[in-house]
Amino acid sequence: VMYVQEWHMKQLGGKAAQNRCNATDVIPHLKALRTMADDLERAFPDLADDERFVKQASGMRATLDVALSSPPLNCEGVNTTIAKIGESCKGCHQDFK
């Protein structure tokens, strides 16, 4: 799960670096990240009952829901979205890595 999420994050960063930040370039990666976020608790069954993990996973889903409900319109927005998703990732990694 983490490797695939990392790949999608790198794709988003690559799109921004290439100045390819149209909805068709970005939304598929955001959707994939959001779909995978639905399975975080199942992907880490030993943590599924940990209140901190559940909160972090929920926060990741919320971050991605916001990104999908109001997708970035330009590369600056893509970079901001990447940073917000990265903060969600970082919070969980700080608690559990």
Protein backbone atom coordinates (compact mmCIF):
# COMPACT_ATOMS: atom_id res chain seq x y z
CA VAL A 1 0.00 0.00 0.00
CA MET A 2 2.71 2.46 0.97
CA TYR A 3 4.76 1.79 -2.17
CA VAL A 4 1.79 2.40 -4.43
CA GLN A 5 0.81 5.54 -2.53
CA GLU A 6 4.38 6.77 -2.79
CA TRP A 7 4.32 6.10 -6.54
CA HIS A 8 1.14 8.17 -6.98
CA MET A 9 2.64 10.99 -4.90
CA LYS A 10 5.74 10.96 -7.12
CA GLN A 11 3.53 11.05 -10.19
CA LEU A 12 1.77 14.13 -8.85
CA GLY A 13 5.12 15.78 -8.16
CA GLY A 14 6.33 14.86 -11.61
CA LYS A 15 3.25 16.36 -13.22
CA ALA A 16 3.85 19.62 -11.35
CA ALA A 17 7.53 19.62 -12.32
CA GLN A 18 6.53 19.14 -15.97
CA ASN A 19 3.88 21.86 -15.72
CA ARG A 20 1.20 19.28 -16.52
CA CYS A 21 -1.39 20.09 -13.88
CA ASN A 22 -4.68 19.76 -15.72
CA ALA A 23 -7.47 17.87 -14.02
CA THR A 24 -6.91 14.92 -16.36
CA ASP A 25 -3.28 14.75 -15.21
CA VAL A 26 -3.95 15.05 -11.49
CA ILE A 27 -7.37 13.66 -10.56
CA PRO A 28 -6.63 10.02 -11.46
CA HIS A 29 -3.76 10.01 -8.93
CA LEU A 30 -5.88 11.69 -6.27
CA LYS A 31 -8.66 9.16 -6.85
CA ALA A 32 -6.22 6.25 -6.59
CA LEU A 33 -4.81 7.62 -3.33
CA ARG A 34 -8.32 8.08 -1.95
CA THR A 35 -9.40 4.57 -2.92
CA MET A 36 -6.34 3.10 -1.25
CA ALA A 37 -6.96 5.20 1.86
CA ASP A 38 -10.18 3.25 2.34
CA ASP A 39 -8.06 0.16 3.00
CA LEU A 40 -5.49 1.55 5.42
CA GLU A 41 -6.95 -0.20 8.44
CA ARG A 42 -7.21 -3.49 6.55
CA ALA A 43 -3.66 -3.10 5.24
CA PHE A 44 -2.38 -2.77 8.81
CA PRO A 45 -4.58 -5.12 10.84
CA ASP A 46 -2.34 -4.90 13.92
CA LEU A 47 -3.07 -1.17 14.06
CA ALA A 48 -6.73 -1.25 13.01
CA ASP A 49 -7.94 -0.88 16.60
CA ASP A 50 -5.36 1.73 17.62
CA GLU A 51 -7.19 5.02 18.13
CA ARG A 52 -4.22 7.06 16.88
CA PHE A 53 -3.96 5.01 13.68
CA VAL A 54 -7.69 5.22 13.02
CA LYS A 55 -7.51 9.00 13.52
CA GLN A 56 -4.55 9.32 11.15
CA ALA A 57 -6.23 7.15 8.50
CA SER A 58 -9.41 9.19 8.80
CA GLY A 59 -7.37 12.38 8.45
CA MET A 60 -5.78 11.06 5.26
CA ARG A 61 -9.20 10.31 3.82
CA ALA A 62 -10.45 13.77 4.79
CA THR A 63 -7.43 15.44 3.16
CA LEU A 64 -8.02 13.51 -0.05
CA ASP A 65 -11.77 14.20 0.05
CA VAL A 66 -11.04 17.93 0.17
CA ALA A 67 -8.57 17.59 -2.71
CA LEU A 68 -11.12 15.75 -4.82
CA SER A 69 -14.03 18.03 -3.95
CA SER A 70 -12.00 21.04 -5.02
CA PRO A 71 -9.20 19.79 -7.28
CA PRO A 72 -6.17 21.98 -7.80
CA LEU A 73 -6.48 24.17 -10.88
CA ASN A 74 -2.79 24.83 -11.50
CA CYS A 75 0.64 23.53 -10.56
CA GLU A 76 0.87 25.76 -7.52
CA GLY A 77 -2.35 24.15 -6.31
CA VAL A 78 -0.98 20.68 -7.08
CA ASN A 79 2.11 21.41 -5.02
CA THR A 80 -0.05 22.67 -2.15
CA THR A 81 -2.17 19.53 -2.36
CA ILE A 82 0.94 17.34 -2.39
CA ALA A 83 2.16 19.13 0.73
CA LYS A 84 -1.15 18.59 2.54
CA ILE A 85 -1.22 14.90 1.65
CA GLY A 86 2.42 14.66 2.71
CA GLU A 87 1.56 16.14 6.10
CA SER A 88 -1.09 13.47 6.56
CA CYS A 89 1.47 10.81 5.67
CA LYS A 90 4.04 12.36 7.98
CA GLY A 91 1.66 12.38 10.95
CA CYS A 92 1.08 8.66 10.71
CA HIS A 93 4.74 7.89 10.07
CA GLN A 94 5.75 9.89 13.13
CA ASP A 95 3.37 7.85 15.28
CA PHE A 96 4.05 4.42 13.80
CA LYS A 97 7.35 4.22 11.98
